[in-house]
Each structure stands twice: as C-alpha cells, then as structure tokens.
C-alpha cells in the first residue's frame, strides 16, 4: 500500500537520501527495503530510472497497516512490513525503521513518523 505521493513534513535539511536505480515501476511515497535500509521513494519512476530514496526524515507521513488492534501510540517504535510496504507497531519479524510522532488509530492508513531506515538490519 503506497501513500498518495511523498508527504514530507520537514525541509530538505532534515532528511537524507540515496539515489537508486529502479527494478520496477514505483510511485512517489511508496515504502521499500533495499538491502538493510528502509525508506520512501521521493518520486515516481519506471524500471531503469534513477530516483531518490529517502531513508531518514525528521517528519514524514507513510503508509500504515490498518486493522483491528493495529493502533500505534505516539512515541512507539514503528516497523516496516515488507508484505504490505507499510509500517506497524508490531515488531515480530518486521524491520525497525523509526518512531511514531502522531498516534494512529486501528483504522488509519497513514501515520506520521520519524524515519530512520538506516537503523534497519
């Protein structure tokens, strides 16, 4: 599940990115894990295109897994779920990628987080 475009809530001095070459078509705001780094694509692109992949942002809105009991409390750690390209508050076999900045209800499909995809591994 991708968000509708990139939703940064901070200026460029408060995020970090790396350029990646796409292996498939993606949309801006889509989350992914590349090797040991979780991030969000800055722009849309097709296979073979080079785009920025934001792996650190002080404030960014990302896709959240929605469902019964899947709330995320403000200040809680968030984890990337590769099966849904979204975050959850449940560690399990998911990848740590940041901290929740604004509490999210179970029905919410997005959440504002501090993204630190470089801590993934």
PDB file of N, CA and C in Angstrom:
ATOM      1  N   UNK A   1       0.851  -1.173   0.000  1.00  0.00           N
ATOM      2  CA  UNK A   1       0.000   0.000   0.000  1.00  0.00           C
ATOM      3  C   UNK A   1       0.896   1.235   0.000  1.00  0.00           C
ATOM      4  N   UNK A   2       0.755   2.101  -0.948  1.00  0.00           N
ATOM      5  CA  UNK A   2       1.545   3.323  -1.019  1.00  0.00           C
ATOM      6  C   UNK A   2       0.680   4.512  -0.611  1.00  0.00           C
ATOM      7  N   UNK A   3       1.326   5.516  -0.051  1.00  0.00           N
ATOM      8  CA  UNK A   3       0.604   6.747   0.223  1.00  0.00           C
ATOM      9  C   UNK A   3       0.426   7.470  -1.095  1.00  0.00           C
ATOM     10  N   UNK A   4      -0.400   8.488  -1.114  1.00  0.00           N
ATOM     11  CA  UNK A   4      -0.644   9.240  -2.337  1.00  0.00           C
ATOM     12  C   UNK A   4       0.411  10.324  -2.477  1.00  0.00           C
ATOM     13  N   UNK A   5       1.562   9.982  -3.032  1.00  0.00           N
ATOM     14  CA  UNK A   5       2.665  10.917  -3.188  1.00  0.00           C
ATOM     15  C   UNK A   5       3.489  11.032  -1.918  1.00  0.00           C
ATOM     16  N   UNK A   6       4.614  11.661  -2.049  1.00  0.00           N
ATOM     17  CA  UNK A   6       5.517  11.855  -0.903  1.00  0.00           C
ATOM     18  C   UNK A   6       4.905  12.879   0.040  1.00  0.00           C
ATOM     19  N   UNK A   7       4.974  12.622   1.341  1.00  0.00           N
ATOM     20  CA  UNK A   7       4.366  13.514   2.320  1.00  0.00           C
ATOM     21  C   UNK A   7       5.383  13.874   3.400  1.00  0.00           C
ATOM     22  N   UNK A   8       6.432  14.575   2.989  1.00  0.00           N
ATOM     23  CA  UNK A   8       7.433  15.063   3.936  1.00  0.00           C
ATOM     24  C   UNK A   8       6.856  16.207   4.753  1.00  0.00           C
ATOM     25  N   UNK A   9       7.152  16.240   6.032  1.00  0.00           N
ATOM     26  CA  UNK A   9       6.695  17.311   6.915  1.00  0.00           C
ATOM     27  C   UNK A   9       7.901  18.082   7.464  1.00  0.00           C
ATOM     28  N   UNK A  10       9.012  18.028   6.704  1.00  0.00           N
ATOM     29  CA  UNK A  10      10.232  18.734   7.108  1.00  0.00           C
ATOM     30  C   UNK A  10      10.977  19.188   5.859  1.00  0.00           C
ATOM     31  N   UNK A  11      11.834  20.181   6.021  1.00  0.00           N
ATOM     32  CA  UNK A  11      12.614  20.699   4.909  1.00  0.00           C
ATOM     33  C   UNK A  11      13.753  19.768   4.528  1.00  0.00           C
ATOM     34  N   UNK A  12      14.382  20.011   3.363  1.00  0.00           N
ATOM     35  CA  UNK A  12      15.446  19.133   2.871  1.00  0.00           C
ATOM     36  C   UNK A  12      16.657  19.037   3.800  1.00  0.00           C
ATOM     37  N   UNK A  13      16.830  20.026   4.662  1.00  0.00           N
ATOM     38  CA  UNK A  13      17.952  19.953   5.605  1.00  0.00           C
ATOM     39  C   UNK A  13      17.680  18.948   6.720  1.00  0.00           C
ATOM     40  N   UNK A  14      16.455  18.403   6.762  1.00  0.00           N
ATOM     41  CA  UNK A  14      16.075  17.462   7.815  1.00  0.00           C
ATOM     42  C   UNK A  14      15.772  16.065   7.282  1.00  0.00           C
ATOM     43  N   UNK A  15      16.245  15.761   6.078  1.00  0.00           N
ATOM     44  CA  UNK A  15      16.125  14.404   5.552  1.00  0.00           C
ATOM     45  C   UNK A  15      17.359  14.030   4.752  1.00  0.00           C
ATOM     46  N   UNK A  16      17.572  12.723   4.612  1.00  0.00           N
ATOM     47  CA  UNK A  16      18.731  12.205   3.872  1.00  0.00           C
ATOM     48  C   UNK A  16      18.244  11.161   2.876  1.00  0.00           C
ATOM     49  N   UNK A  17      18.933  11.084   1.741  1.00  0.00           N
ATOM     50  CA  UNK A  17      18.519  10.143   0.700  1.00  0.00           C
ATOM     51  C   UNK A  17      19.730   9.580  -0.024  1.00  0.00           C
ATOM     52  N   UNK A  18      19.459   8.538  -0.798  1.00  0.00           N
ATOM     53  CA  UNK A  18      20.465   7.984  -1.699  1.00  0.00           C
ATOM     54  C   UNK A  18      19.779   7.756  -3.036  1.00  0.00           C
ATOM     55  N   UNK A  19      20.548   7.845  -4.114  1.00  0.00           N
ATOM     56  CA  UNK A  19      19.993   7.591  -5.438  1.00  0.00           C
ATOM     57  C   UNK A  19      20.002   6.092  -5.690  1.00  0.00           C
ATOM     58  N   UNK A  20      18.879   5.579  -6.202  1.00  0.00           N
ATOM     59  CA  UNK A  20      18.763   4.149  -6.506  1.00  0.00           C
ATOM     60  C   UNK A  20      18.238   3.974  -7.927  1.00  0.00           C
ATOM     61  N   UNK A  21      18.618   2.870  -8.550  1.00  0.00           N
ATOM     62  CA  UNK A  21      18.105   2.521  -9.867  1.00  0.00           C
ATOM     63  C   UNK A  21      16.976   1.527  -9.664  1.00  0.00           C
ATOM     64  N   UNK A  22      15.827   1.851 -10.222  1.00  0.00           N
ATOM     65  CA  UNK A  22      14.626   1.042 -10.010  1.00  0.00           C
ATOM     66  C   UNK A  22      14.643  -0.256 -10.807  1.00  0.00           C
ATOM     67  N   UNK A  23      14.123  -1.308 -10.186  1.00  0.00           N
ATOM     68  CA  UNK A  23      13.965  -2.591 -10.855  1.00  0.00           C
ATOM     69  C   UNK A  23      12.533  -2.814 -11.294  1.00  0.00           C
ATOM     70  N   UNK A  24      11.637  -1.898 -10.908  1.00  0.00           N
ATOM     71  CA  UNK A  24      10.217  -1.997 -11.249  1.00  0.00           C
ATOM     72  C   UNK A  24       9.610  -0.596 -11.181  1.00  0.00           C
ATOM     73  N   UNK A  25       8.393  -0.445 -11.655  1.00  0.00           N
ATOM     74  CA  UNK A  25       7.677   0.825 -11.585  1.00  0.00           C
ATOM     75  C   UNK A  25       7.224   1.073 -10.146  1.00  0.00           C
ATOM     76  N   UNK A  26       7.444   2.280  -9.646  1.00  0.00           N
ATOM     77  CA  UNK A  26       7.041   2.651  -8.281  1.00  0.00           C
ATOM     78  C   UNK A  26       6.325   3.998  -8.317  1.00  0.00           C
ATOM     79  N   UNK A  27       5.656   4.321  -7.205  1.00  0.00           N
ATOM     80  CA  UNK A  27       5.013   5.616  -7.064  1.00  0.00           C
ATOM     81  C   UNK A  27       5.719   6.415  -5.980  1.00  0.00           C
ATOM     82  N   UNK A  28       5.628   7.718  -6.069  1.00  0.00           N
ATOM     83  CA  UNK A  28       6.208   8.577  -5.030  1.00  0.00           C
ATOM     84  C   UNK A  28       5.518   8.273  -3.706  1.00  0.00           C
ATOM     85  N   UNK A  29       6.288   8.167  -2.638  1.00  0.00           N
ATOM     86  CA  UNK A  29       5.740   7.896  -1.319  1.00  0.00           C
ATOM     87  C   UNK A  29       5.692   6.421  -0.967  1.00  0.00           C
ATOM     88  N   UNK A  30       5.976   5.555  -1.931  1.00  0.00           N
ATOM     89  CA  UNK A  30       5.965   4.111  -1.686  1.00  0.00           C
ATOM     90  C   UNK A  30       7.154   3.716  -0.809  1.00  0.00           C
ATOM     91  N   UNK A  31       6.910   2.889   0.193  1.00  0.00           N
ATOM     92  CA  UNK A  31       7.978   2.402   1.077  1.00  0.00           C
ATOM     93  C   UNK A  31       8.594   1.131   0.503  1.00  0.00           C
ATOM     94  N   UNK A  32       9.860   0.895   0.880  1.00  0.00           N
ATOM     95  CA  UNK A  32      10.552  -0.305   0.442  1.00  0.00           C
ATOM     96  C   UNK A  32      11.742  -0.540   1.360  1.00  0.00           C
ATOM     97  N   UNK A  33      12.318  -1.715   1.269  1.00  0.00           N
ATOM     98  CA  UNK A  33      13.556  -2.030   1.967  1.00  0.00           C
ATOM     99  C   UNK A  33      14.565  -2.450   0.911  1.00  0.00           C
ATOM    100  N   UNK A  34      15.678  -1.723   0.851  1.00  0.00           N
ATOM    101  CA  UNK A  34      16.754  -2.027  -0.084  1.00  0.00           C
ATOM    102  C   UNK A  34      17.939  -2.494   0.744  1.00  0.00           C
ATOM    103  N   UNK A  35      18.294  -3.763   0.591  1.00  0.00           N
ATOM    104  CA  UNK A  35      19.316  -4.394   1.431  1.00  0.00           C
ATOM    105  C   UNK A  35      18.937  -4.202   2.893  1.00  0.00           C
ATOM    106  N   UNK A  36      19.695  -3.421   3.646  1.00  0.00           N
ATOM    107  CA  UNK A  36      19.426  -3.213   5.070  1.00  0.00           C
ATOM    108  C   UNK A  36      18.829  -1.843   5.374  1.00  0.00           C
ATOM    109  N   UNK A  37      18.313  -1.161   4.372  1.00  0.00           N
ATOM    110  CA  UNK A  37      17.819   0.206   4.550  1.00  0.00           C
ATOM    111  C   UNK A  37      16.353   0.330   4.145  1.00  0.00           C
ATOM    112  N   UNK A  38      15.534   0.834   5.070  1.00  0.00           N
ATOM    113  CA  UNK A  38      14.119   1.093   4.794  1.00  0.00           C
ATOM    114  C   UNK A  38      13.973   2.557   4.410  1.00  0.00           C
ATOM    115  N   UNK A  39      13.139   2.834   3.432  1.00  0.00           N
ATOM    116  CA  UNK A  39      12.935   4.216   3.032  1.00  0.00           C
ATOM    117  C   UNK A  39      11.695   4.400   2.192  1.00  0.00           C
ATOM    118  N   UNK A  40      11.587   5.601   1.638  1.00  0.00           N
ATOM    119  CA  UNK A  40      10.430   6.030   0.855  1.00  0.00           C
ATOM    120  C   UNK A  40      10.947   6.641  -0.441  1.00  0.00           C
ATOM    121  N   UNK A  41      10.345   6.256  -1.569  1.00  0.00           N
ATOM    122  CA  UNK A  41      10.738   6.842  -2.848  1.00  0.00           C
ATOM    123  C   UNK A  41      10.256   8.283  -2.926  1.00  0.00           C
ATOM    124  N   UNK A  42      11.150   9.183  -3.297  1.00  0.00           N
ATOM    125  CA  UNK A  42      10.846  10.606  -3.375  1.00  0.00           C
ATOM    126  C   UNK A  42       9.971  10.944  -4.577  1.00  0.00           C
ATOM    127  N   UNK A  43      10.125  10.172  -5.644  1.00  0.00           N
ATOM    128  CA  UNK A  43       9.379  10.445  -6.868  1.00  0.00           C
ATOM    129  C   UNK A  43       9.004   9.132  -7.546  1.00  0.00           C
ATOM    130  N   UNK A  44       8.053   9.201  -8.438  1.00  0.00           N
ATOM    131  CA  UNK A  44       7.640   8.028  -9.205  1.00  0.00           C
ATOM    132  C   UNK A  44       8.683   7.727 -10.269  1.00  0.00           C
ATOM    133  N   UNK A  45       8.716   6.478 -10.713  1.00  0.00           N
ATOM    134  CA  UNK A  45       9.643   6.111 -11.775  1.00  0.00           C
ATOM    135  C   UNK A  45       9.351   4.727 -12.314  1.00  0.00           C
ATOM    136  N   UNK A  46       9.971   4.436 -13.448  1.00  0.00           N
ATOM    137  CA  UNK A  46       9.831   3.140 -14.098  1.00  0.00           C
ATOM    138  C   UNK A  46      11.138   2.363 -13.973  1.00  0.00           C
ATOM    139  N   UNK A  47      11.076   1.090 -14.277  1.00  0.00           N
ATOM    140  CA  UNK A  47      12.262   0.241 -14.223  1.00  0.00           C
ATOM    141  C   UNK A  47      13.407   0.881 -15.014  1.00  0.00           C
ATOM    142  N   UNK A  48      14.576   0.954 -14.388  1.00  0.00           N
ATOM    143  CA  UNK A  48      15.748   1.550 -15.026  1.00  0.00           C
ATOM    144  C   UNK A  48      15.976   3.004 -14.665  1.00  0.00           C
ATOM    145  N   UNK A  49      14.928   3.688 -14.163  1.00  0.00           N
ATOM    146  CA  UNK A  49      15.058   5.089 -13.758  1.00  0.00           C
ATOM    147  C   UNK A  49      15.876   5.191 -12.473  1.00  0.00           C
ATOM    148  N   UNK A  50      16.560   6.316 -12.307  1.00  0.00           N
ATOM    149  CA  UNK A  50      17.258   6.597 -11.059  1.00  0.00           C
ATOM    150  C   UNK A  50      16.454   7.637 -10.287  1.00  0.00           C
ATOM    151  N   UNK A  51      16.122   7.320  -9.025  1.00  0.00           N
ATOM    152  CA  UNK A  51      15.326   8.218  -8.195  1.00  0.00           C
ATOM    153  C   UNK A  51      15.932   8.302  -6.802  1.00  0.00           C
ATOM    154  N   UNK A  52      15.527   9.335  -6.063  1.00  0.00           N
ATOM    155  CA  UNK A  52      15.978   9.495  -4.679  1.00  0.00           C
ATOM    156  C   UNK A  52      15.156   8.580  -3.772  1.00  0.00           C
ATOM    157  N   UNK A  53      15.834   7.951  -2.818  1.00  0.00           N
ATOM    158  CA  UNK A  53      15.219   7.051  -1.841  1.00  0.00           C
ATOM    159  C   UNK A  53      15.521   7.628  -0.467  1.00  0.00           C
ATOM    160  N   UNK A  54      14.514   8.195   0.185  1.00  0.00           N
ATOM    161  CA  UNK A  54      14.697   8.852   1.483  1.00  0.00           C
ATOM    162  C   UNK A  54      14.715   7.808   2.583  1.00  0.00           C
ATOM    163  N   UNK A  55      15.825   7.734   3.310  1.00  0.00           N
ATOM    164  CA  UNK A  55      15.957   6.753   4.385  1.00  0.00           C
ATOM    165  C   UNK A  55      15.981   7.398   5.772  1.00  0.00           C
ATOM    166  N   UNK A  56      16.011   8.709   5.832  1.00  0.00           N
ATOM    167  CA  UNK A  56      15.973   9.409   7.112  1.00  0.00           C
ATOM    168  C   UNK A  56      15.196  10.697   6.925  1.00  0.00           C
ATOM    169  N   UNK A  57      14.212  10.929   7.821  1.00  0.00           N
ATOM    170  CA  UNK A  57      13.424  12.161   7.780  1.00  0.00           C
ATOM    171  C   UNK A  57      12.902  12.442   9.178  1.00  0.00           C
ATOM    172  N   UNK A  58      13.034  13.704   9.601  1.00  0.00           N
ATOM    173  CA  UNK A  58      12.544  14.073  10.928  1.00  0.00           C
ATOM    174  C   UNK A  58      11.031  13.890  11.046  1.00  0.00           C
ATOM    175  N   UNK A  59      10.294  14.195   9.969  1.00  0.00           N
ATOM    176  CA  UNK A  59       8.837  14.032   9.956  1.00  0.00           C
ATOM    177  C   UNK A  59       8.392  13.659   8.551  1.00  0.00           C
ATOM    178  N   UNK A  60       7.713  12.509   8.440  1.00  0.00           N
ATOM    179  CA  UNK A  60       7.195  12.058   7.156  1.00  0.00           C
ATOM    180  C   UNK A  60       5.956  11.214   7.409  1.00  0.00           C
ATOM    181  N   UNK A  61       4.975  11.340   6.520  1.00  0.00           N
ATOM    182  CA  UNK A  61       3.763  10.528   6.609  1.00  0.00           C
ATOM    183  C   UNK A  61       3.956   9.330   5.688  1.00  0.00           C
ATOM    184  N   UNK A  62       3.742   8.121   6.240  1.00  0.00           N
ATOM    185  CA  UNK A  62       3.930   6.890   5.480  1.00  0.00           C
ATOM    186  C   UNK A  62       2.688   6.005   5.606  1.00  0.00           C
ATOM    187  N   UNK A  63       2.613   5.004   4.758  1.00  0.00           N
ATOM    188  CA  UNK A  63       1.513   4.045   4.810  1.00  0.00           C
ATOM    189  C   UNK A  63       1.600   3.238   6.105  1.00  0.00           C
ATOM    190  N   UNK A  64       0.417   2.926   6.673  1.00  0.00           N
ATOM    191  CA  UNK A  64       0.312   2.145   7.906  1.00  0.00           C
ATOM    192  C   UNK A  64      -0.594   0.954   7.663  1.00  0.00           C
ATOM    193  N   UNK A  65      -0.226  -0.193   8.208  1.00  0.00           N
ATOM    194  CA  UNK A  65      -1.091  -1.366   8.148  1.00  0.00           C
ATOM    195  C   UNK A  65      -2.329  -1.064   8.996  1.00  0.00           C
ATOM    196  N   UNK A  66      -3.507  -1.200   8.417  1.00  0.00           N
ATOM    197  CA  UNK A  66      -4.757  -0.937   9.133  1.00  0.00           C
ATOM    198  C   UNK A  66      -5.408  -2.253   9.529  1.00  0.00           C
ATOM    199  N   UNK A  67      -6.135  -2.226  10.620  1.00  0.00           N
ATOM    200  CA  UNK A  67      -6.854  -3.416  11.039  1.00  0.00           C
ATOM    201  C   UNK A  67      -7.103  -3.422  12.526  1.00  0.00           C
ATOM    202  N   UNK A  68      -7.956  -4.318  12.951  1.00  0.00           N
ATOM    203  CA  UNK A  68      -8.344  -4.426  14.350  1.00  0.00           C
ATOM    204  C   UNK A  68      -7.131  -4.607  15.252  1.00  0.00           C
ATOM    205  N   UNK A  69      -7.035  -3.743  16.256  1.00  0.00           N
ATOM    206  CA  UNK A  69      -5.944  -3.834  17.221  1.00  0.00           C
ATOM    207  C   UNK A  69      -4.620  -3.286  16.747  1.00  0.00           C
ATOM    208  N   UNK A  70      -4.580  -2.706  15.547  1.00  0.00           N
ATOM    209  CA  UNK A  70      -3.309  -2.221  14.999  1.00  0.00           C
ATOM    210  C   UNK A  70      -3.138  -0.715  15.196  1.00  0.00           C
ATOM    211  N   UNK A  71      -3.288  -0.262  16.426  1.00  0.00           N
ATOM    212  CA  UNK A  71      -3.034   1.139  16.750  1.00  0.00           C
ATOM    213  C   UNK A  71      -1.539   1.323  16.969  1.00  0.00           C
ATOM    214  N   UNK A  72      -1.078   2.549  16.834  1.00  0.00           N
ATOM    215  CA  UNK A  72       0.318   2.871  17.144  1.00  0.00           C
ATOM    216  C   UNK A  72       0.298   4.090  18.048  1.00  0.00           C
ATOM    217  N   UNK A  73       0.873   3.963  19.224  1.00  0.00           N
ATOM    218  CA  UNK A  73       0.901   5.057  20.194  1.00  0.00           C
ATOM    219  C   UNK A  73       1.997   6.059  19.854  1.00  0.00           C
ATOM    220  N   UNK A  74       1.744   7.316  20.178  1.00  0.00           N
ATOM    221  CA  UNK A  74       2.756   8.352  19.996  1.00  0.00           C
ATOM    222  C   UNK A  74       3.995   7.959  20.792  1.00  0.00           C
ATOM    223  N   UNK A  75       5.156   8.038  20.164  1.00  0.00           N
ATOM    224  CA  UNK A  75       6.420   7.692  20.810  1.00  0.00           C
ATOM    225  C   UNK A  75       6.829   6.245  20.659  1.00  0.00           C
ATOM    226  N   UNK A  76       5.922   5.396  20.172  1.00  0.00           N
ATOM    227  CA  UNK A  76       6.232   3.972  19.995  1.00  0.00           C
ATOM    228  C   UNK A  76       7.129   3.759  18.773  1.00  0.00           C
ATOM    229  N   UNK A  77       7.911   2.700  18.819  1.00  0.00           N
ATOM    230  CA  UNK A  77       8.727   2.321  17.669  1.00  0.00           C
ATOM    231  C   UNK A  77       7.804   1.841  16.552  1.00  0.00           C
ATOM    232  N   UNK A  78       8.209   2.053  15.303  1.00  0.00           N
ATOM    233  CA  UNK A  78       7.459   1.539  14.157  1.00  0.00           C
ATOM    234  C   UNK A  78       8.353   0.613  13.349  1.00  0.00           C
ATOM    235  N   UNK A  79       7.709  -0.343  12.687  1.00  0.00           N
ATOM    236  CA  UNK A  79       8.412  -1.406  11.983  1.00  0.00           C
ATOM    237  C   UNK A  79       7.865  -1.536  10.572  1.00  0.00           C
ATOM    238  N   UNK A  80       8.756  -1.740   9.606  1.00  0.00           N
ATOM    239  CA  UNK A  80       8.376  -1.898   8.209  1.00  0.00           C
ATOM    240  C   UNK A  80       7.921  -3.334   7.966  1.00  0.00           C
ATOM    241  N   UNK A  81       6.759  -3.473   7.307  1.00  0.00           N
ATOM    242  CA  UNK A  81       6.209  -4.773   6.941  1.00  0.00           C
ATOM    243  C   UNK A  81       6.383  -4.924   5.431  1.00  0.00           C
ATOM    244  N   UNK A  82       7.304  -5.763   5.003  1.00  0.00           N
ATOM    245  CA  UNK A  82       7.606  -5.869   3.574  1.00  0.00           C
ATOM    246  C   UNK A  82       6.431  -6.396   2.752  1.00  0.00           C
ATOM    247  N   UNK A  83       5.575  -7.222   3.345  1.00  0.00           N
ATOM    248  CA  UNK A  83       4.434  -7.777   2.611  1.00  0.00           C
ATOM    249  C   UNK A  83       3.419  -6.710   2.210  1.00  0.00           C
ATOM    250  N   UNK A  84       3.384  -5.591   2.948  1.00  0.00           N
ATOM    251  CA  UNK A  84       2.406  -4.546   2.645  1.00  0.00           C
ATOM    252  C   UNK A  84       3.041  -3.187   2.334  1.00  0.00           C
ATOM    253  N   UNK A  85       4.372  -3.106   2.359  1.00  0.00           N
ATOM    254  CA  UNK A  85       5.067  -1.833   2.108  1.00  0.00           C
ATOM    255  C   UNK A  85       4.513  -0.719   2.986  1.00  0.00           C
ATOM    256  N   UNK A  86       4.311  -1.042   4.259  1.00  0.00           N
ATOM    257  CA  UNK A  86       3.743  -0.104   5.231  1.00  0.00           C
ATOM    258  C   UNK A  86       4.363  -0.368   6.597  1.00  0.00           C
ATOM    259  N   UNK A  87       4.016   0.471   7.574  1.00  0.00           N
ATOM    260  CA  UNK A  87       4.548   0.286   8.925  1.00  0.00           C
ATOM    261  C   UNK A  87       3.474  -0.226   9.873  1.00  0.00           C
ATOM    262  N   UNK A  88       3.939  -0.773  10.985  1.00  0.00           N
ATOM    263  CA  UNK A  88       3.089  -1.273  12.052  1.00  0.00           C
ATOM    264  C   UNK A  88       3.794  -0.993  13.377  1.00  0.00           C
ATOM    265  N   UNK A  89       3.068  -1.147  14.467  1.00  0.00           N
ATOM    266  CA  UNK A  89       3.669  -1.012  15.785  1.00  0.00           C
ATOM    267  C   UNK A  89       4.121  -2.344  16.343  1.00  0.00           C
ATOM    268  N   UNK A  90       3.975  -3.407  15.565  1.00  0.00           N
ATOM    269  CA  UNK A  90       4.314  -4.760  15.997  1.00  0.00           C
ATOM    270  C   UNK A  90       5.690  -5.158  15.473  1.00  0.00           C
ATOM    271  N   UNK A  91       6.587  -5.530  16.385  1.00  0.00           N
ATOM    272  CA  UNK A  91       7.945  -5.903  15.998  1.00  0.00           C
ATOM    273  C   UNK A  91       7.951  -7.210  15.213  1.00  0.00           C
ATOM    274  N   UNK A  92       7.641  -8.331  15.848  1.00  0.00           N
ATOM    275  CA  UNK A  92       7.634  -9.629  15.173  1.00  0.00           C
ATOM    276  C   UNK A  92       8.846  -9.810  14.283  1.00  0.00           C
ATOM    277  N   UNK A  93       8.624 -10.216  13.045  1.00  0.00           N
ATOM    278  CA  UNK A  93       9.719 -10.382  12.081  1.00  0.00           C
ATOM    279  C   UNK A  93       9.874  -9.146  11.203  1.00  0.00           C
ATOM    280  N   UNK A  94       9.206  -8.044  11.583  1.00  0.00           N
ATOM    281  CA  UNK A  94       9.262  -6.798  10.820  1.00  0.00           C
ATOM    282  C   UNK A  94      10.541  -6.031  11.136  1.00  0.00           C
ATOM    283  N   UNK A  95      10.843  -5.012  10.343  1.00  0.00           N
ATOM    284  CA  UNK A  95      12.104  -4.280  10.443  1.00  0.00           C
ATOM    285  C   UNK A  95      11.924  -2.913  11.106  1.00  0.00           C
ATOM    286  N   UNK A  96      12.622  -2.676  12.205  1.00  0.00           N
ATOM    287  CA  UNK A  96      12.591  -1.378  12.884  1.00  0.00           C
ATOM    288  C   UNK A  96      12.990  -0.280  11.906  1.00  0.00           C
ATOM    289  N   UNK A  97      12.183   0.798  11.866  1.00  0.00           N
ATOM    290  CA  UNK A  97      12.518   1.872  10.924  1.00  0.00           C
ATOM    291  C   UNK A  97      12.221   3.265  11.463  1.00  0.00           C
ATOM    292  N   UNK A  98      11.822   3.385  12.735  1.00  0.00           N
ATOM    293  CA  UNK A  98      11.594   4.727  13.255  1.00  0.00           C
ATOM    294  C   UNK A  98      10.708   4.763  14.476  1.00  0.00           C
ATOM    295  N   UNK A  99      10.104   5.943  14.691  1.00  0.00           N
ATOM    296  CA  UNK A  99       9.280   6.208  15.874  1.00  0.00           C
ATOM    297  C   UNK A  99       8.024   6.959  15.448  1.00  0.00           C
ATOM    298  N   UNK A 100       6.895   6.610  16.051  1.00  0.00           N
ATOM    299  CA  UNK A 100       5.614   7.253  15.766  1.00  0.00           C
ATOM    300  C   UNK A 100       5.580   8.647  16.401  1.00  0.00           C
ATOM    301  N   UNK A 101       5.236   9.660  15.614  1.00  0.00           N
ATOM    302  CA  UNK A 101       5.170  11.030  16.119  1.00  0.00           C
ATOM    303  C   UNK A 101       3.744  11.469  16.455  1.00  0.00           C
ATOM    304  N   UNK A 102       2.772  10.906  15.750  1.00  0.00           N
ATOM    305  CA  UNK A 102       1.353  11.226  15.979  1.00  0.00           C
ATOM    306  C   UNK A 102       0.608   9.899  16.084  1.00  0.00           C
ATOM    307  N   UNK A 103      -0.073   9.682  17.198  1.00  0.00           N
ATOM    308  CA  UNK A 103      -0.783   8.418  17.413  1.00  0.00           C
ATOM    309  C   UNK A 103      -1.696   8.088  16.236  1.00  0.00           C
ATOM    310  N   UNK A 104      -1.795   6.792  15.918  1.00  0.00           N
ATOM    311  CA  UNK A 104      -2.626   6.343  14.801  1.00  0.00           C
ATOM    312  C   UNK A 104      -3.642   5.312  15.281  1.00  0.00           C
ATOM    313  N   UNK A 105      -4.886   5.481  14.856  1.00  0.00           N
ATOM    314  CA  UNK A 105      -5.946   4.539  15.210  1.00  0.00           C
ATOM    315  C   UNK A 105      -5.804   3.263  14.384  1.00  0.00           C
ATOM    316  N   UNK A 106      -6.548   2.244  14.768  1.00  0.00           N
ATOM    317  CA  UNK A 106      -6.524   0.977  14.036  1.00  0.00           C
ATOM    318  C   UNK A 106      -6.978   1.162  12.587  1.00  0.00           C
ATOM    319  N   UNK A 107      -7.932   2.055  12.358  1.00  0.00           N
ATOM    320  CA  UNK A 107      -8.463   2.272  11.009  1.00  0.00           C
ATOM    321  C   UNK A 107      -7.571   3.158  10.138  1.00  0.00           C
ATOM    322  N   UNK A 108      -6.625   3.850  10.735  1.00  0.00           N
ATOM    323  CA  UNK A 108      -5.757   4.766   9.980  1.00  0.00           C
ATOM    324  C   UNK A 108      -4.940   4.010   8.936  1.00  0.00           C
ATOM    325  N   UNK A 109      -4.784   4.613   7.767  1.00  0.00           N
ATOM    326  CA  UNK A 109      -3.979   4.000   6.703  1.00  0.00           C
ATOM    327  C   UNK A 109      -2.644   4.710   6.519  1.00  0.00           C
ATOM    328  N   UNK A 110      -2.458   5.821   7.249  1.00  0.00           N
ATOM    329  CA  UNK A 110      -1.179   6.522   7.244  1.00  0.00           C
ATOM    330  C   UNK A 110      -0.831   6.924   8.667  1.00  0.00           C
ATOM    331  N   UNK A 111       0.451   7.250   8.878  1.00  0.00           N
ATOM    332  CA  UNK A 111       0.914   7.690  10.188  1.00  0.00           C
ATOM    333  C   UNK A 111       2.141   8.583   9.994  1.00  0.00           C
ATOM    334  N   UNK A 112       2.257   9.610  10.845  1.00  0.00           N
ATOM    335  CA  UNK A 112       3.438  10.478  10.800  1.00  0.00           C
ATOM    336  C   UNK A 112       4.512   9.865  11.695  1.00  0.00           C
ATOM    337  N   UNK A 113       5.706   9.678  11.121  1.00  0.00           N
ATOM    338  CA  UNK A 113       6.801   9.062  11.862  1.00  0.00           C
ATOM    339  C   UNK A 113       8.095   9.858  11.719  1.00  0.00           C
ATOM    340  N   UNK A 114       9.037   9.576  12.574  1.00  0.00           N
ATOM    341  CA  UNK A 114      10.432   9.946  12.373  1.00  0.00           C
ATOM    342  C   UNK A 114      11.044   8.723  11.710  1.00  0.00           C
ATOM    343  N   UNK A 115      11.476   8.851  10.466  1.00  0.00           N
ATOM    344  CA  UNK A 115      12.029   7.724   9.711  1.00  0.00           C
ATOM    345  C   UNK A 115      13.524   7.627   9.938  1.00  0.00           C
ATOM    346  N   UNK A 116      13.981   6.462  10.355  1.00  0.00           N
ATOM    347  CA  UNK A 116      15.405   6.174  10.470  1.00  0.00           C
ATOM    348  C   UNK A 116      15.645   4.799   9.877  1.00  0.00           C
ATOM    349  N   UNK A 117      15.542   4.729   8.567  1.00  0.00           N
ATOM    350  CA  UNK A 117      15.684   3.460   7.854  1.00  0.00           C
ATOM    351  C   UNK A 117      17.074   2.892   7.867  1.00  0.00           C
ATOM    352  N   UNK A 118      18.070   3.708   8.273  1.00  0.00           N
ATOM    353  CA  UNK A 118      19.432   3.221   8.341  1.00  0.00           C
ATOM    354  C   UNK A 118      19.651   2.342   9.569  1.00  0.00           C
ATOM    355  N   UNK A 119      18.703   2.357  10.536  1.00  0.00           N
ATOM    356  CA  UNK A 119      18.831   1.510  11.719  1.00  0.00           C
ATOM    357  C   UNK A 119      18.302   0.113  11.426  1.00  0.00           C
ATOM    358  N   UNK A 120      17.720  -0.069  10.238  1.00  0.00           N
ATOM    359  CA  UNK A 120      17.178  -1.373   9.847  1.00  0.00           C
ATOM    360  C   UNK A 120      18.321  -2.366   9.679  1.00  0.00           C
ATOM    361  N   UNK A 121      17.995  -3.621   9.751  1.00  0.00           N
ATOM    362  CA  UNK A 121      19.054  -4.602   9.535  1.00  0.00           C
ATOM    363  C   UNK A 121      18.580  -6.000   9.569  1.00  0.00           C
TER     364      UNK A 121
END
